[in-house]
Every structure is written in C-alpha cells, then in structure tokens.
Amino acid sequence: LPPGSCRAFWGWLNAVFNKVDHERIRAVGPDRAASEWLLRCGALVRYQGSPKWQQDYNGLPTGPLGKYKIEAINATDSCIMYRGFDYLDGLEHVTDIKLEKCMYIQDECLQRLSETNNLQRSLQKLQIISCGNVTDKGILALHKLTNLEYLYLSDLPGIREKEMTFRVLQQALPNLELELDLE
C-alpha cells in the first residue's frame, strides 16, 4: 500500500459510518438509530435508568420503539464527525456528553451541538478533552446550551484567547460551572 492510502481508507470508512440514514431513524426511532451510529463509530451510550454503558453494537437492547432513551454519550476515541450529527436531533434525554480524543470533532460540530434544540433543553454536562481541532470559536458557540451546568475543558491546544473566551461564555451562561485544565 502506498503511504497515506491506509489513512485515506479509514477516513472514507469513517465517513460511511457517519452517513445519516433518515429511513432508519423513522423505522426504529431516534434513540435506537443514534445508538447504532454512536456504537458503529466506537462511542458508548448509557440509557435512562441504567448504570451500565452500552458498547457492543450486537448487544443493543431490543424492545418496543422508544423504550431505551439515550441519557449519556461517551465518544472517547470515536470517529464521530459532523455529518453524523443529524442523529442527535431527535434525542430528548441526553444530559451528559463526553468528547475525548475525537479527531474529527471541530468547531462546526460544537456549533451544531449547541444549535440542536433538544440538547439546548436537556444537556447539563459537557466534557471536551484532547480534541485538537477545537478552537475558541467552537467553545464560544456553546453559549446556546442554556441549561448547561458543567463544562470541563482539557488539553485543547487550539484555544488561544482563553481569558476572553471563558469570560464571554461565563457571561452568556452565568450558572455554568467551568472547569479548565489547559496549558
């Protein structure tokens, strides 16, 4: 294989994993379809009323449509990317999202997250860790997540204007607890 072709292949495969299937969302409901997307991409989900994280795609619980509601998403080391974010639109119960070491997460993703109506209502806790493509612009975009109570930011080399960015965010979201572990 020529150098770089392997990475190109994985990039293509990840793009395929992130392609939104609107028929599937209609057929199985938003939570099930989003679960399939997230697990395909290597993320974990936790359902309302359950302490355990779901990580096995083939072990996804079956049951009546809408029985399992995603409450938390742990996207550590996953390949979720912008084009898959339509899957988040129908989720009404997500309170907690962790984005760690997500190579495809960039400012546009955070903007999209904060413009998702259901997440504006439900999301309370967000952690963004070691996502090298996130800049101040992406962090500032989070100001639309009006119910966010806790934001943890760590190892984000793309953030340059720390003081200004956090001051603006804190003004927009006065109830936000902001925890930073940045150089």
N, C-alpha and C. Protein backbone atom coordinates (compact mmCIF):
# COMPACT_ATOMS: atom_id res chain seq x y z
N LEU A 1 0.84 -1.20 0.00
CA LEU A 1 0.00 0.00 0.00
C LEU A 1 0.88 1.25 0.00
N PRO A 2 0.56 2.21 -0.86
CA PRO A 2 1.32 3.47 -0.82
C PRO A 2 1.05 4.19 0.50
N PRO A 3 2.06 4.96 0.99
CA PRO A 3 1.87 5.67 2.27
C PRO A 3 0.66 6.60 2.18
N GLY A 4 -0.10 6.67 3.26
CA GLY A 4 -1.25 7.56 3.29
C GLY A 4 -2.53 6.91 2.79
N SER A 5 -2.41 5.83 2.03
CA SER A 5 -3.64 5.23 1.48
C SER A 5 -4.45 4.55 2.58
N CYS A 6 -3.76 4.04 3.58
CA CYS A 6 -4.46 3.40 4.69
C CYS A 6 -5.29 4.45 5.44
N ARG A 7 -4.67 5.61 5.70
CA ARG A 7 -5.39 6.66 6.40
C ARG A 7 -6.58 7.13 5.55
N ALA A 8 -6.36 7.25 4.25
CA ALA A 8 -7.45 7.67 3.36
C ALA A 8 -8.60 6.66 3.42
N PHE A 9 -8.25 5.37 3.48
CA PHE A 9 -9.27 4.34 3.56
C PHE A 9 -10.07 4.48 4.85
N TRP A 10 -9.37 4.66 5.97
CA TRP A 10 -10.08 4.79 7.25
C TRP A 10 -10.94 6.04 7.26
N GLY A 11 -10.43 7.13 6.68
CA GLY A 11 -11.22 8.35 6.59
C GLY A 11 -12.50 8.11 5.80
N TRP A 12 -12.38 7.35 4.71
CA TRP A 12 -13.55 7.03 3.89
C TRP A 12 -14.53 6.16 4.68
N LEU A 13 -13.99 5.15 5.37
CA LEU A 13 -14.82 4.24 6.14
C LEU A 13 -15.56 5.01 7.25
N ASN A 14 -14.83 5.90 7.92
CA ASN A 14 -15.44 6.68 8.99
C ASN A 14 -16.54 7.58 8.44
N ALA A 15 -16.33 8.11 7.24
CA ALA A 15 -17.36 8.93 6.60
C ALA A 15 -18.60 8.08 6.32
N VAL A 16 -18.38 6.84 5.91
CA VAL A 16 -19.50 5.92 5.68
C VAL A 16 -20.25 5.65 6.99
N PHE A 17 -19.50 5.42 8.07
CA PHE A 17 -20.11 5.17 9.39
C PHE A 17 -20.96 6.35 9.83
N ASN A 18 -20.61 7.56 9.39
CA ASN A 18 -21.28 8.77 9.84
C ASN A 18 -22.42 9.20 8.92
N LYS A 19 -22.63 8.46 7.86
CA LYS A 19 -23.70 8.84 6.92
C LYS A 19 -25.05 8.65 7.60
N VAL A 20 -25.87 9.67 7.57
CA VAL A 20 -27.16 9.61 8.25
C VAL A 20 -28.20 8.89 7.40
N ASP A 21 -28.85 7.91 8.02
CA ASP A 21 -29.89 7.15 7.35
C ASP A 21 -31.25 7.57 7.92
N HIS A 22 -31.90 8.51 7.23
CA HIS A 22 -33.16 9.07 7.75
C HIS A 22 -34.28 8.03 7.76
N GLU A 23 -34.23 7.09 6.81
CA GLU A 23 -35.20 5.99 6.80
C GLU A 23 -35.09 5.19 8.10
N ARG A 24 -33.85 4.93 8.49
CA ARG A 24 -33.61 4.13 9.70
C ARG A 24 -34.13 4.87 10.94
N ILE A 25 -33.92 6.18 10.98
CA ILE A 25 -34.40 6.96 12.12
C ILE A 25 -35.92 6.84 12.21
N ARG A 26 -36.59 6.94 11.04
CA ARG A 26 -38.06 6.80 11.03
C ARG A 26 -38.48 5.39 11.44
N ALA A 27 -37.73 4.40 10.99
CA ALA A 27 -38.11 3.00 11.23
C ALA A 27 -37.93 2.58 12.69
N VAL A 28 -36.81 2.97 13.30
CA VAL A 28 -36.52 2.44 14.64
C VAL A 28 -36.54 3.51 15.74
N GLY A 29 -36.76 4.76 15.35
CA GLY A 29 -36.80 5.84 16.33
C GLY A 29 -35.43 6.46 16.52
N PRO A 30 -35.41 7.71 16.99
CA PRO A 30 -34.16 8.47 17.07
C PRO A 30 -33.12 7.88 18.03
N ASP A 31 -33.56 7.36 19.16
CA ASP A 31 -32.60 6.85 20.15
C ASP A 31 -31.90 5.59 19.65
N ARG A 32 -32.66 4.69 19.05
CA ARG A 32 -32.07 3.46 18.53
C ARG A 32 -31.12 3.78 17.36
N ALA A 33 -31.56 4.63 16.45
CA ALA A 33 -30.73 4.97 15.29
C ALA A 33 -29.44 5.67 15.74
N ALA A 34 -29.57 6.58 16.71
CA ALA A 34 -28.39 7.29 17.21
C ALA A 34 -27.46 6.32 17.93
N SER A 35 -28.03 5.36 18.67
CA SER A 35 -27.22 4.35 19.35
C SER A 35 -26.39 3.57 18.33
N GLU A 36 -27.03 3.17 17.24
CA GLU A 36 -26.33 2.40 16.21
C GLU A 36 -25.19 3.24 15.62
N TRP A 37 -25.47 4.51 15.34
CA TRP A 37 -24.45 5.41 14.79
C TRP A 37 -23.27 5.53 15.76
N LEU A 38 -23.59 5.83 17.01
CA LEU A 38 -22.53 6.07 18.00
C LEU A 38 -21.68 4.82 18.22
N LEU A 39 -22.31 3.66 18.36
CA LEU A 39 -21.56 2.43 18.58
C LEU A 39 -20.73 2.04 17.36
N ARG A 40 -21.30 2.24 16.17
CA ARG A 40 -20.54 1.99 14.94
C ARG A 40 -19.26 2.81 14.92
N CYS A 41 -19.34 4.02 15.45
CA CYS A 41 -18.19 4.94 15.43
C CYS A 41 -17.27 4.74 16.63
N GLY A 42 -17.60 3.79 17.50
CA GLY A 42 -16.73 3.50 18.63
C GLY A 42 -17.05 4.26 19.91
N ALA A 43 -18.20 4.92 19.94
CA ALA A 43 -18.63 5.64 21.16
C ALA A 43 -19.46 4.70 22.03
N LEU A 44 -19.74 5.13 23.24
CA LEU A 44 -20.58 4.37 24.17
C LEU A 44 -21.82 5.20 24.48
N VAL A 45 -22.92 4.49 24.78
CA VAL A 45 -24.13 5.19 25.22
C VAL A 45 -24.62 4.57 26.52
N ARG A 46 -25.30 5.39 27.30
CA ARG A 46 -25.95 4.90 28.52
C ARG A 46 -27.40 5.32 28.46
N TYR A 47 -28.29 4.40 28.78
CA TYR A 47 -29.72 4.68 28.69
C TYR A 47 -30.27 5.15 30.02
N GLN A 48 -31.36 5.90 29.93
CA GLN A 48 -32.07 6.36 31.12
C GLN A 48 -32.39 5.18 32.02
N GLY A 49 -32.11 5.34 33.31
CA GLY A 49 -32.44 4.29 34.27
C GLY A 49 -31.46 3.14 34.31
N SER A 50 -30.36 3.24 33.53
CA SER A 50 -29.39 2.14 33.54
C SER A 50 -28.03 2.66 33.96
N PRO A 51 -27.33 1.93 34.84
CA PRO A 51 -25.99 2.37 35.25
C PRO A 51 -24.92 1.96 34.24
N LYS A 52 -25.24 0.99 33.35
CA LYS A 52 -24.15 0.47 32.55
C LYS A 52 -24.07 1.08 31.15
N TRP A 53 -22.82 1.16 30.69
CA TRP A 53 -22.57 1.71 29.35
C TRP A 53 -22.73 0.61 28.32
N GLN A 54 -23.37 0.95 27.23
CA GLN A 54 -23.59 0.05 26.12
C GLN A 54 -22.44 0.25 25.13
N GLN A 55 -21.69 -0.82 24.83
CA GLN A 55 -20.59 -0.64 23.89
C GLN A 55 -20.61 -1.66 22.76
N ASP A 56 -21.40 -2.70 22.94
CA ASP A 56 -21.43 -3.76 21.93
C ASP A 56 -22.60 -3.53 20.98
N TYR A 57 -22.29 -3.26 19.72
CA TYR A 57 -23.31 -2.99 18.72
C TYR A 57 -24.32 -4.13 18.65
N ASN A 58 -23.82 -5.36 18.68
CA ASN A 58 -24.71 -6.51 18.57
C ASN A 58 -25.49 -6.77 19.85
N GLY A 59 -25.07 -6.11 20.93
CA GLY A 59 -25.76 -6.30 22.20
C GLY A 59 -26.74 -5.18 22.49
N LEU A 60 -27.03 -4.35 21.49
CA LEU A 60 -28.01 -3.27 21.71
C LEU A 60 -29.34 -3.86 22.13
N PRO A 61 -29.94 -3.30 23.16
CA PRO A 61 -31.20 -3.86 23.64
C PRO A 61 -32.30 -3.67 22.61
N THR A 62 -33.15 -4.68 22.50
CA THR A 62 -34.30 -4.53 21.62
C THR A 62 -35.51 -4.38 22.52
N GLY A 63 -36.56 -3.90 21.96
CA GLY A 63 -37.76 -3.70 22.76
C GLY A 63 -38.65 -2.77 21.99
N PRO A 64 -39.77 -2.40 22.58
CA PRO A 64 -40.70 -1.53 21.87
C PRO A 64 -40.01 -0.22 21.47
N LEU A 65 -40.47 0.32 20.36
CA LEU A 65 -39.94 1.57 19.85
C LEU A 65 -39.92 2.63 20.95
N GLY A 66 -38.78 3.26 21.14
CA GLY A 66 -38.72 4.35 22.10
C GLY A 66 -38.57 3.92 23.55
N LYS A 67 -38.34 2.63 23.79
CA LYS A 67 -38.20 2.18 25.18
C LYS A 67 -36.88 2.65 25.78
N TYR A 68 -35.81 2.62 24.99
CA TYR A 68 -34.50 2.98 25.51
C TYR A 68 -34.12 4.40 25.08
N LYS A 69 -33.98 5.28 26.04
CA LYS A 69 -33.66 6.68 25.77
C LYS A 69 -32.20 6.95 26.13
N ILE A 70 -31.45 7.49 25.20
CA ILE A 70 -30.05 7.80 25.48
C ILE A 70 -29.98 8.96 26.47
N GLU A 71 -29.24 8.72 27.56
CA GLU A 71 -29.07 9.76 28.57
C GLU A 71 -27.64 10.32 28.55
N ALA A 72 -26.67 9.46 28.21
CA ALA A 72 -25.29 9.91 28.21
C ALA A 72 -24.54 9.31 27.02
N ILE A 73 -23.60 10.09 26.50
CA ILE A 73 -22.78 9.67 25.37
C ILE A 73 -21.33 9.86 25.76
N ASN A 74 -20.54 8.80 25.61
CA ASN A 74 -19.10 8.90 25.82
C ASN A 74 -18.43 8.58 24.48
N ALA A 75 -17.94 9.64 23.83
CA ALA A 75 -17.40 9.48 22.48
C ALA A 75 -15.87 9.38 22.47
N THR A 76 -15.28 8.96 23.60
CA THR A 76 -13.83 8.85 23.68
C THR A 76 -13.26 7.96 22.57
N ASP A 77 -12.26 8.49 21.88
CA ASP A 77 -11.57 7.75 20.80
C ASP A 77 -12.49 7.33 19.67
N SER A 78 -13.63 7.98 19.52
CA SER A 78 -14.56 7.57 18.48
C SER A 78 -14.31 8.36 17.20
N CYS A 79 -14.92 7.91 16.12
CA CYS A 79 -14.76 8.59 14.84
C CYS A 79 -16.02 9.38 14.48
N ILE A 80 -16.79 9.82 15.49
CA ILE A 80 -17.97 10.62 15.14
C ILE A 80 -17.52 11.90 14.44
N MET A 81 -18.27 12.29 13.44
CA MET A 81 -17.94 13.50 12.70
C MET A 81 -19.21 14.27 12.36
N TYR A 82 -19.01 15.50 11.92
CA TYR A 82 -20.11 16.44 11.69
C TYR A 82 -21.27 15.82 10.93
N ARG A 83 -20.96 15.09 9.87
CA ARG A 83 -22.05 14.60 9.02
C ARG A 83 -22.99 13.65 9.75
N GLY A 84 -22.57 13.10 10.88
CA GLY A 84 -23.45 12.20 11.62
C GLY A 84 -24.32 12.91 12.64
N PHE A 85 -24.07 14.21 12.83
CA PHE A 85 -24.74 14.91 13.94
C PHE A 85 -26.24 15.04 13.79
N ASP A 86 -26.78 14.78 12.58
CA ASP A 86 -28.24 14.79 12.43
C ASP A 86 -28.88 13.74 13.34
N TYR A 87 -28.12 12.71 13.69
CA TYR A 87 -28.65 11.68 14.58
C TYR A 87 -28.99 12.24 15.96
N LEU A 88 -28.36 13.34 16.34
CA LEU A 88 -28.59 13.89 17.67
C LEU A 88 -29.91 14.67 17.76
N ASP A 89 -30.43 15.08 16.60
CA ASP A 89 -31.59 15.97 16.61
C ASP A 89 -32.79 15.42 17.37
N GLY A 90 -33.04 14.11 17.24
CA GLY A 90 -34.24 13.54 17.84
C GLY A 90 -34.08 13.10 19.28
N LEU A 91 -32.88 13.25 19.83
CA LEU A 91 -32.64 12.78 21.21
C LEU A 91 -33.14 13.81 22.21
N GLU A 92 -34.01 13.39 23.11
CA GLU A 92 -34.63 14.36 24.03
C GLU A 92 -34.15 14.23 25.47
N HIS A 93 -33.31 13.23 25.75
CA HIS A 93 -32.99 12.96 27.16
C HIS A 93 -31.50 12.98 27.47
N VAL A 94 -30.69 13.47 26.54
CA VAL A 94 -29.24 13.46 26.75
C VAL A 94 -28.83 14.57 27.71
N THR A 95 -28.28 14.16 28.86
CA THR A 95 -27.85 15.15 29.85
C THR A 95 -26.33 15.30 29.88
N ASP A 96 -25.62 14.33 29.31
CA ASP A 96 -24.18 14.25 29.54
C ASP A 96 -23.46 13.78 28.27
N ILE A 97 -22.51 14.58 27.79
CA ILE A 97 -21.71 14.20 26.62
C ILE A 97 -20.24 14.39 26.92
N LYS A 98 -19.46 13.37 26.58
CA LYS A 98 -18.01 13.48 26.72
C LYS A 98 -17.36 13.28 25.36
N LEU A 99 -16.61 14.28 24.93
CA LEU A 99 -15.86 14.21 23.67
C LEU A 99 -14.38 14.20 24.02
N GLU A 100 -13.76 13.05 23.92
CA GLU A 100 -12.34 12.96 24.26
C GLU A 100 -11.58 12.26 23.15
N LYS A 101 -10.47 12.88 22.74
CA LYS A 101 -9.63 12.32 21.66
C LYS A 101 -10.47 12.00 20.43
N CYS A 102 -11.29 12.95 20.02
CA CYS A 102 -12.12 12.78 18.83
C CYS A 102 -11.47 13.57 17.70
N MET A 103 -10.81 12.85 16.79
CA MET A 103 -10.02 13.56 15.77
C MET A 103 -10.88 14.33 14.78
N TYR A 104 -12.15 13.96 14.65
CA TYR A 104 -13.00 14.65 13.67
C TYR A 104 -13.87 15.74 14.29
N ILE A 105 -13.75 15.93 15.61
CA ILE A 105 -14.57 16.97 16.23
C ILE A 105 -13.88 18.32 16.04
N GLN A 106 -14.61 19.23 15.37
CA GLN A 106 -14.06 20.57 15.22
C GLN A 106 -15.14 21.59 15.54
N ASP A 107 -14.83 22.87 15.38
CA ASP A 107 -15.74 23.94 15.80
C ASP A 107 -17.15 23.77 15.27
N GLU A 108 -17.26 23.36 14.01
CA GLU A 108 -18.59 23.21 13.39
C GLU A 108 -19.44 22.20 14.16
N CYS A 109 -18.79 21.17 14.70
CA CYS A 109 -19.52 20.15 15.47
C CYS A 109 -20.09 20.76 16.75
N LEU A 110 -19.28 21.58 17.42
CA LEU A 110 -19.73 22.19 18.67
C LEU A 110 -20.84 23.19 18.39
N GLN A 111 -20.72 23.89 17.26
CA GLN A 111 -21.76 24.83 16.85
C GLN A 111 -23.06 24.07 16.61
N ARG A 112 -22.95 22.96 15.91
CA ARG A 112 -24.11 22.13 15.58
C ARG A 112 -24.75 21.58 16.86
N LEU A 113 -23.89 21.18 17.80
CA LEU A 113 -24.35 20.67 19.09
C LEU A 113 -25.19 21.72 19.79
N SER A 114 -24.68 22.95 19.83
CA SER A 114 -25.35 24.00 20.60
C SER A 114 -26.58 24.54 19.89
N GLU A 115 -26.74 24.22 18.60
CA GLU A 115 -27.93 24.66 17.87
C GLU A 115 -29.00 23.58 17.82
N THR A 116 -28.72 22.44 18.44
CA THR A 116 -29.68 21.33 18.46
C THR A 116 -30.70 21.59 19.56
N ASN A 117 -31.95 21.84 19.16
CA ASN A 117 -32.98 22.28 20.11
C ASN A 117 -33.12 21.36 21.32
N ASN A 118 -33.19 20.06 21.08
CA ASN A 118 -33.35 19.14 22.20
C ASN A 118 -32.18 19.21 23.17
N LEU A 119 -30.97 19.35 22.64
CA LEU A 119 -29.79 19.43 23.52
C LEU A 119 -29.78 20.74 24.29
N GLN A 120 -30.29 21.80 23.69
CA GLN A 120 -30.38 23.08 24.40
C GLN A 120 -31.22 22.90 25.66
N ARG A 121 -32.23 22.03 25.57
CA ARG A 121 -33.10 21.79 26.72
C ARG A 121 -32.51 20.80 27.71
N SER A 122 -31.88 19.72 27.20
CA SER A 122 -31.53 18.61 28.09
C SER A 122 -30.09 18.58 28.59
N LEU A 123 -29.15 19.09 27.77
CA LEU A 123 -27.74 18.88 28.10
C LEU A 123 -27.29 19.68 29.32
N GLN A 124 -26.74 18.97 30.30
CA GLN A 124 -26.30 19.62 31.54
C GLN A 124 -24.80 19.56 31.73
N LYS A 125 -24.18 18.52 31.16
CA LYS A 125 -22.76 18.30 31.42
C LYS A 125 -22.05 17.99 30.11
N LEU A 126 -20.96 18.71 29.86
CA LEU A 126 -20.20 18.51 28.63
C LEU A 126 -18.72 18.54 28.96
N GLN A 127 -18.00 17.53 28.44
CA GLN A 127 -16.55 17.48 28.62
C GLN A 127 -15.90 17.43 27.25
N ILE A 128 -14.94 18.31 27.02
CA ILE A 128 -14.21 18.32 25.75
C ILE A 128 -12.72 18.21 26.10
N ILE A 129 -12.13 17.08 25.73
CA ILE A 129 -10.77 16.75 26.15
C ILE A 129 -9.94 16.28 24.97
N SER A 130 -8.77 16.86 24.80
CA SER A 130 -7.82 16.40 23.77
C SER A 130 -8.44 16.31 22.37
N CYS A 131 -9.23 17.31 22.02
CA CYS A 131 -9.76 17.39 20.66
C CYS A 131 -8.99 18.52 19.96
N GLY A 132 -7.98 18.13 19.20
CA GLY A 132 -7.02 19.09 18.67
C GLY A 132 -7.56 20.09 17.68
N ASN A 133 -8.75 19.84 17.11
CA ASN A 133 -9.28 20.75 16.10
C ASN A 133 -10.27 21.76 16.66
N VAL A 134 -10.45 21.77 17.97
CA VAL A 134 -11.38 22.71 18.59
C VAL A 134 -10.64 24.01 18.92
N THR A 135 -11.25 25.13 18.53
CA THR A 135 -10.65 26.44 18.83
C THR A 135 -11.62 27.26 19.69
N ASP A 136 -11.23 28.50 19.97
CA ASP A 136 -12.07 29.41 20.75
C ASP A 136 -13.47 29.53 20.12
N LYS A 137 -13.50 29.56 18.79
CA LYS A 137 -14.77 29.72 18.07
C LYS A 137 -15.76 28.63 18.47
N GLY A 138 -15.27 27.40 18.55
CA GLY A 138 -16.14 26.29 18.92
C GLY A 138 -16.63 26.39 20.35
N ILE A 139 -15.73 26.79 21.24
CA ILE A 139 -16.11 26.92 22.66
C ILE A 139 -17.13 28.04 22.82
N LEU A 140 -16.91 29.16 22.13
CA LEU A 140 -17.85 30.28 22.21
C LEU A 140 -19.23 29.89 21.68
N ALA A 141 -19.26 29.00 20.70
CA ALA A 141 -20.53 28.57 20.11
C ALA A 141 -21.42 27.86 21.13
N LEU A 142 -20.82 27.36 22.20
CA LEU A 142 -21.58 26.60 23.20
C LEU A 142 -22.55 27.46 24.01
N HIS A 143 -22.51 28.77 23.81
CA HIS A 143 -23.35 29.67 24.62
C HIS A 143 -24.85 29.44 24.44
N LYS A 144 -25.22 28.69 23.38
CA LYS A 144 -26.65 28.43 23.18
C LYS A 144 -27.16 27.26 24.01
N LEU A 145 -26.23 26.56 24.66
CA LEU A 145 -26.65 25.43 25.52
C LEU A 145 -27.04 25.99 26.88
N THR A 146 -28.23 26.58 26.93
CA THR A 146 -28.62 27.40 28.08
C THR A 146 -28.80 26.61 29.38
N ASN A 147 -28.98 25.30 29.30
CA ASN A 147 -29.15 24.52 30.53
C ASN A 147 -27.87 23.81 30.96
N LEU A 148 -26.77 24.14 30.27
CA LEU A 148 -25.50 23.52 30.63
C LEU A 148 -25.09 23.97 32.03
N GLU A 149 -24.78 22.98 32.89
CA GLU A 149 -24.40 23.30 34.27
C GLU A 149 -22.90 23.13 34.49
N TYR A 150 -22.29 22.23 33.71
CA TYR A 150 -20.88 21.91 33.94
C TYR A 150 -20.18 21.72 32.61
N LEU A 151 -19.07 22.43 32.44
CA LEU A 151 -18.26 22.30 31.24
C LEU A 151 -16.82 22.08 31.65
N TYR A 152 -16.25 20.96 31.20
CA TYR A 152 -14.85 20.64 31.51
C TYR A 152 -14.06 20.69 30.22
N LEU A 153 -13.02 21.50 30.21
CA LEU A 153 -12.16 21.63 29.03
C LEU A 153 -10.74 21.29 29.41
N SER A 154 -10.13 20.37 28.66
CA SER A 154 -8.77 19.96 28.97
C SER A 154 -7.99 19.65 27.70
N ASP A 155 -6.72 20.01 27.69
CA ASP A 155 -5.81 19.67 26.60
C ASP A 155 -6.40 20.07 25.24
N LEU A 156 -6.68 21.36 25.08
CA LEU A 156 -7.21 21.89 23.82
C LEU A 156 -6.25 22.95 23.28
N PRO A 157 -5.23 22.52 22.56
CA PRO A 157 -4.20 23.44 22.09
C PRO A 157 -4.73 24.51 21.13
N GLY A 158 -5.91 24.26 20.54
CA GLY A 158 -6.48 25.23 19.60
C GLY A 158 -7.07 26.46 20.26
N ILE A 159 -7.22 26.42 21.58
CA ILE A 159 -7.78 27.57 22.29
C ILE A 159 -6.67 28.57 22.57
N ARG A 160 -6.80 29.76 21.98
CA ARG A 160 -5.75 30.76 22.08
C ARG A 160 -6.09 31.91 23.01
N GLU A 161 -7.35 32.34 22.97
CA GLU A 161 -7.77 33.52 23.75
C GLU A 161 -8.53 33.06 24.99
N LYS A 162 -7.85 32.29 25.84
CA LYS A 162 -8.53 31.67 26.97
C LYS A 162 -9.39 32.64 27.78
N GLU A 163 -8.75 33.69 28.32
CA GLU A 163 -9.46 34.59 29.24
C GLU A 163 -10.71 35.17 28.60
N MET A 164 -10.54 35.70 27.38
CA MET A 164 -11.68 36.33 26.72
C MET A 164 -12.78 35.31 26.44
N THR A 165 -12.39 34.16 25.92
CA THR A 165 -13.36 33.12 25.58
C THR A 165 -14.17 32.71 26.80
N PHE A 166 -13.49 32.48 27.92
CA PHE A 166 -14.20 32.00 29.10
C PHE A 166 -15.03 33.10 29.73
N ARG A 167 -14.58 34.35 29.64
CA ARG A 167 -15.35 35.46 30.18
C ARG A 167 -16.67 35.59 29.41
N VAL A 168 -16.58 35.54 28.09
CA VAL A 168 -17.78 35.65 27.25
C VAL A 168 -18.75 34.50 27.54
N LEU A 169 -18.22 33.30 27.64
CA LEU A 169 -19.05 32.13 27.91
C LEU A 169 -19.72 32.24 29.28
N GLN A 170 -18.96 32.67 30.26
CA GLN A 170 -19.46 32.80 31.62
C GLN A 170 -20.56 33.87 31.69
N GLN A 171 -20.40 34.95 30.89
CA GLN A 171 -21.45 35.98 30.86
C GLN A 171 -22.72 35.44 30.22
N ALA A 172 -22.55 34.66 29.17
CA ALA A 172 -23.70 34.11 28.47
C ALA A 172 -24.41 33.06 29.31
N LEU A 173 -23.63 32.30 30.09
CA LEU A 173 -24.17 31.22 30.91
C LEU A 173 -23.74 31.40 32.36
N PRO A 174 -24.39 32.32 33.07
CA PRO A 174 -23.96 32.66 34.43
C PRO A 174 -23.99 31.49 35.41
N ASN A 175 -24.85 30.49 35.14
CA ASN A 175 -24.95 29.35 36.07
C ASN A 175 -23.97 28.24 35.76
N LEU A 176 -23.13 28.47 34.74
CA LEU A 176 -22.22 27.42 34.30
C LEU A 176 -21.02 27.28 35.23
N GLU A 177 -20.76 26.03 35.64
CA GLU A 177 -19.51 25.74 36.35
C GLU A 177 -18.50 25.34 35.28
N LEU A 178 -17.45 26.14 35.18
CA LEU A 178 -16.45 25.92 34.13
C LEU A 178 -15.18 25.38 34.78
N GLU A 179 -14.76 24.19 34.39
CA GLU A 179 -13.54 23.63 34.93
C GLU A 179 -12.52 23.50 33.81
N LEU A 180 -11.34 24.07 34.03
CA LEU A 180 -10.34 24.12 32.97
C LEU A 180 -9.06 23.42 33.39
N ASP A 181 -8.51 22.67 32.45
CA ASP A 181 -7.20 22.07 32.65
C ASP A 181 -6.46 22.30 31.33
N LEU A 182 -6.06 23.56 31.15
CA LEU A 182 -5.43 23.94 29.88
C LEU A 182 -4.06 24.54 30.16
N GLU A 183 -3.15 24.34 29.21
CA GLU A 183 -1.81 24.91 29.38
C GLU A 183 -1.87 26.43 29.39
